[in-house]
Amino acid sequence: MGAEGVPAAQEALLRRMYEVFSTDEREAFVQRCLAPDVDWPNVLDGVRLHGREAVRAYWARQFAAGHPLVRLEGLRRDTDGEAVVATVRPGTRDASGERWAEGTVEHVYRFDGSGLVTRMDVRAGT
């Protein structure tokens, strides 16, 4: 087990996913971390996305509008004992540098039997 009861494989996958999110490596990593029919939140429009290609297109739209950043601050099991909660600090990068939000948000992940993310939800943090 890893951070606060998180299985090591899930911890490693999520840590790597946050490391590559703000880089060009994220495209290649989608195949290795998201289930083909992943259910993902589109926070910009308040709807749900389904499938890897929809998530790729959403991320491309986010990066076209600016350079989003997320810094992983912690991982733990959710109260249901199944999902993994990533506490993250959102930010942006522009010509003047990096700016980080005062508070955090929680990304809640569910996995399939092969270890791929099947669903992600966002909820308020601190």
C-alpha atoms as a PDB file:
ATOM      1  CA  MET A   1       0.000   0.000   0.000  1.00  0.00           C
ATOM      2  CA  GLY A   2       1.101   3.546  -0.665  1.00  0.00           C
ATOM      3  CA  ALA A   3      -0.033   6.957   0.546  1.00  0.00           C
ATOM      4  CA  GLU A   4      -2.850   6.604   3.096  1.00  0.00           C
ATOM      5  CA  GLY A   5      -3.960   3.143   1.978  1.00  0.00           C
ATOM      6  CA  VAL A   6      -3.657   3.682  -1.776  1.00  0.00           C
ATOM      7  CA  PRO A   7      -2.424   0.581  -3.628  1.00  0.00           C
ATOM      8  CA  ALA A   8       1.080   1.089  -5.001  1.00  0.00           C
ATOM      9  CA  ALA A   9       0.079   0.616  -8.672  1.00  0.00           C
ATOM     10  CA  GLN A  10      -2.687   3.224  -8.431  1.00  0.00           C
ATOM     11  CA  GLU A  11      -0.384   5.614  -6.580  1.00  0.00           C
ATOM     12  CA  ALA A  12       2.342   5.224  -9.216  1.00  0.00           C
ATOM     13  CA  LEU A  13      -0.120   5.741 -12.092  1.00  0.00           C
ATOM     14  CA  LEU A  14      -1.627   8.893 -10.573  1.00  0.00           C
ATOM     15  CA  ARG A  15       1.733  10.373  -9.599  1.00  0.00           C
ATOM     16  CA  ARG A  16       2.993   9.853 -13.162  1.00  0.00           C
ATOM     17  CA  MET A  17      -0.219  11.246 -14.631  1.00  0.00           C
ATOM     18  CA  TYR A  18       0.201  14.500 -12.690  1.00  0.00           C
ATOM     19  CA  GLU A  19       3.897  14.685 -13.619  1.00  0.00           C
ATOM     20  CA  VAL A  20       3.138  14.546 -17.345  1.00  0.00           C
ATOM     21  CA  PHE A  21      -0.155  16.473 -17.472  1.00  0.00           C
ATOM     22  CA  SER A  22       1.492  19.811 -18.249  1.00  0.00           C
ATOM     23  CA  THR A  23       3.952  18.333 -20.766  1.00  0.00           C
ATOM     24  CA  ASP A  24       3.781  16.921 -24.273  1.00  0.00           C
ATOM     25  CA  GLU A  25       4.015  13.427 -22.749  1.00  0.00           C
ATOM     26  CA  ARG A  26       0.358  13.556 -21.706  1.00  0.00           C
ATOM     27  CA  GLU A  27      -0.800  12.468 -25.162  1.00  0.00           C
ATOM     28  CA  ALA A  28       1.103   9.192 -25.055  1.00  0.00           C
ATOM     29  CA  PHE A  29       0.203   8.594 -21.429  1.00  0.00           C
ATOM     30  CA  VAL A  30      -3.574   8.693 -22.059  1.00  0.00           C
ATOM     31  CA  GLN A  31      -3.445   5.144 -23.472  1.00  0.00           C
ATOM     32  CA  ARG A  32      -1.648   3.873 -20.367  1.00  0.00           C
ATOM     33  CA  CYS A  33      -3.846   5.521 -17.723  1.00  0.00           C
ATOM     34  CA  LEU A  34      -7.407   5.976 -19.040  1.00  0.00           C
ATOM     35  CA  ALA A  35      -9.850   3.192 -19.845  1.00  0.00           C
ATOM     36  CA  PRO A  36     -11.173   3.354 -23.436  1.00  0.00           C
ATOM     37  CA  ASP A  37     -14.648   4.342 -22.179  1.00  0.00           C
ATOM     38  CA  VAL A  38     -13.435   6.639 -19.353  1.00  0.00           C
ATOM     39  CA  ASP A  39     -16.049   8.956 -17.803  1.00  0.00           C
ATOM     40  CA  TRP A  40     -14.405  12.369 -17.247  1.00  0.00           C
ATOM     41  CA  PRO A  41     -15.676  15.772 -16.090  1.00  0.00           C
ATOM     42  CA  ASN A  42     -15.603  18.738 -18.436  1.00  0.00           C
ATOM     43  CA  VAL A  43     -15.315  21.403 -15.764  1.00  0.00           C
ATOM     44  CA  LEU A  44     -15.342  24.237 -18.319  1.00  0.00           C
ATOM     45  CA  ASP A  45     -18.830  23.352 -19.628  1.00  0.00           C
ATOM     46  CA  GLY A  46     -20.295  21.433 -16.688  1.00  0.00           C
ATOM     47  CA  VAL A  47     -20.850  18.190 -18.615  1.00  0.00           C
ATOM     48  CA  ARG A  48     -19.382  14.683 -18.655  1.00  0.00           C
ATOM     49  CA  LEU A  49     -17.067  13.360 -21.364  1.00  0.00           C
ATOM     50  CA  HIS A  50     -16.908   9.733 -22.457  1.00  0.00           C
ATOM     51  CA  GLY A  51     -13.879   8.067 -24.008  1.00  0.00           C
ATOM     52  CA  ARG A  52     -10.198   8.807 -24.421  1.00  0.00           C
ATOM     53  CA  GLU A  53     -10.635  10.911 -27.550  1.00  0.00           C
ATOM     54  CA  ALA A  54     -13.117  13.209 -25.810  1.00  0.00           C
ATOM     55  CA  VAL A  55     -10.656  13.706 -22.939  1.00  0.00           C
ATOM     56  CA  ARG A  56      -7.813  14.410 -25.395  1.00  0.00           C
ATOM     57  CA  ALA A  57      -9.931  17.016 -27.185  1.00  0.00           C
ATOM     58  CA  TYR A  58     -10.885  18.615 -23.853  1.00  0.00           C
ATOM     59  CA  TRP A  59      -7.270  18.833 -22.748  1.00  0.00           C
ATOM     60  CA  ALA A  60      -6.298  20.307 -26.135  1.00  0.00           C
ATOM     61  CA  ARG A  61      -8.987  22.960 -25.674  1.00  0.00           C
ATOM     62  CA  GLN A  62      -7.702  23.749 -22.164  1.00  0.00           C
ATOM     63  CA  PHE A  63      -4.128  24.151 -23.416  1.00  0.00           C
ATOM     64  CA  ALA A  64      -5.260  26.287 -26.370  1.00  0.00           C
ATOM     65  CA  ALA A  65      -6.903  28.708 -23.908  1.00  0.00           C
ATOM     66  CA  GLY A  66      -3.904  28.827 -21.555  1.00  0.00           C
ATOM     67  CA  HIS A  67      -1.418  26.563 -19.839  1.00  0.00           C
ATOM     68  CA  PRO A  68      -3.150  24.796 -16.937  1.00  0.00           C
ATOM     69  CA  LEU A  69      -1.074  23.307 -14.130  1.00  0.00           C
ATOM     70  CA  VAL A  70      -1.961  20.902 -11.343  1.00  0.00           C
ATOM     71  CA  ARG A  71       0.316  20.091  -8.432  1.00  0.00           C
ATOM     72  CA  LEU A  72      -0.388  16.846  -6.603  1.00  0.00           C
ATOM     73  CA  GLU A  73      -0.351  17.481  -2.853  1.00  0.00           C
ATOM     74  CA  GLY A  74      -1.605  14.167  -1.517  1.00  0.00           C
ATOM     75  CA  LEU A  75      -3.311  10.836  -2.177  1.00  0.00           C
ATOM     76  CA  ARG A  76      -5.668   8.857   0.034  1.00  0.00           C
ATOM     77  CA  ARG A  77      -8.470   6.344  -0.115  1.00  0.00           C
ATOM     78  CA  ASP A  78     -11.941   7.841  -0.239  1.00  0.00           C
ATOM     79  CA  THR A  79     -14.407   7.102   2.532  1.00  0.00           C
ATOM     80  CA  ASP A  80     -16.037   4.399   0.376  1.00  0.00           C
ATOM     81  CA  GLY A  81     -12.775   2.423   0.479  1.00  0.00           C
ATOM     82  CA  GLU A  82     -12.728   2.077  -3.315  1.00  0.00           C
ATOM     83  CA  ALA A  83     -11.962   5.423  -4.940  1.00  0.00           C
ATOM     84  CA  VAL A  84      -8.660   7.264  -4.651  1.00  0.00           C
ATOM     85  CA  VAL A  85      -8.694  10.978  -3.816  1.00  0.00           C
ATOM     86  CA  ALA A  86      -5.936  13.210  -5.167  1.00  0.00           C
ATOM     87  CA  THR A  87      -5.673  16.568  -3.435  1.00  0.00           C
ATOM     88  CA  VAL A  88      -4.360  19.011  -6.033  1.00  0.00           C
ATOM     89  CA  ARG A  89      -3.538  22.694  -6.270  1.00  0.00           C
ATOM     90  CA  PRO A  90      -4.549  24.192  -9.622  1.00  0.00           C
ATOM     91  CA  GLY A  91      -2.501  26.841 -11.345  1.00  0.00           C
ATOM     92  CA  THR A  92      -1.609  28.416 -14.667  1.00  0.00           C
ATOM     93  CA  ARG A  93       1.602  29.288 -16.481  1.00  0.00           C
ATOM     94  CA  ASP A  94       2.014  32.322 -18.686  1.00  0.00           C
ATOM     95  CA  ALA A  95       4.766  34.710 -19.753  1.00  0.00           C
ATOM     96  CA  SER A  96       5.031  36.084 -16.220  1.00  0.00           C
ATOM     97  CA  GLY A  97       5.529  32.619 -14.677  1.00  0.00           C
ATOM     98  CA  GLU A  98       3.436  30.204 -12.650  1.00  0.00           C
ATOM     99  CA  ARG A  99       0.483  31.258 -10.512  1.00  0.00           C
ATOM    100  CA  TRP A 100      -1.066  28.848  -8.012  1.00  0.00           C
ATOM    101  CA  ALA A 101      -4.535  28.952  -6.486  1.00  0.00           C
ATOM    102  CA  GLU A 102      -4.886  29.625  -2.771  1.00  0.00           C
ATOM    103  CA  GLY A 103      -6.988  26.518  -2.183  1.00  0.00           C
ATOM    104  CA  THR A 104      -7.041  22.933  -3.353  1.00  0.00           C
ATOM    105  CA  VAL A 105      -9.553  20.702  -5.107  1.00  0.00           C
ATOM    106  CA  GLU A 106     -10.038  16.964  -4.952  1.00  0.00           C
ATOM    107  CA  HIS A 107      -9.900  14.677  -7.974  1.00  0.00           C
ATOM    108  CA  VAL A 108     -11.645  11.399  -7.205  1.00  0.00           C
ATOM    109  CA  TYR A 109     -10.601   8.398  -9.314  1.00  0.00           C
ATOM    110  CA  ARG A 110     -12.165   4.999  -9.880  1.00  0.00           C
ATOM    111  CA  PHE A 111     -10.273   2.145 -11.548  1.00  0.00           C
ATOM    112  CA  ASP A 112     -11.106  -1.006 -13.497  1.00  0.00           C
ATOM    113  CA  GLY A 113      -9.668  -4.462 -12.859  1.00  0.00           C
ATOM    114  CA  SER A 114      -6.680  -3.762 -15.100  1.00  0.00           C
ATOM    115  CA  GLY A 115      -5.753  -0.599 -13.189  1.00  0.00           C
ATOM    116  CA  LEU A 116      -6.977   2.002 -15.697  1.00  0.00           C
ATOM    117  CA  VAL A 117      -8.987   5.056 -14.652  1.00  0.00           C
ATOM    118  CA  THR A 118     -12.676   4.526 -15.452  1.00  0.00           C
ATOM    119  CA  ARG A 119     -14.045   7.710 -13.876  1.00  0.00           C
ATOM    120  CA  MET A 120     -12.808  10.991 -12.455  1.00  0.00           C
ATOM    121  CA  ASP A 121     -14.837  13.487 -10.463  1.00  0.00           C
ATOM    122  CA  VAL A 122     -13.886  16.902  -9.116  1.00  0.00           C
ATOM    123  CA  ARG A 123     -15.056  18.134  -5.756  1.00  0.00           C
ATOM    124  CA  ALA A 124     -14.281  21.111  -3.557  1.00  0.00           C
ATOM    125  CA  GLY A 125     -11.168  20.974  -1.416  1.00  0.00           C
ATOM    126  CA  THR A 126      -9.849  23.515   1.022  1.00  0.00           C
END
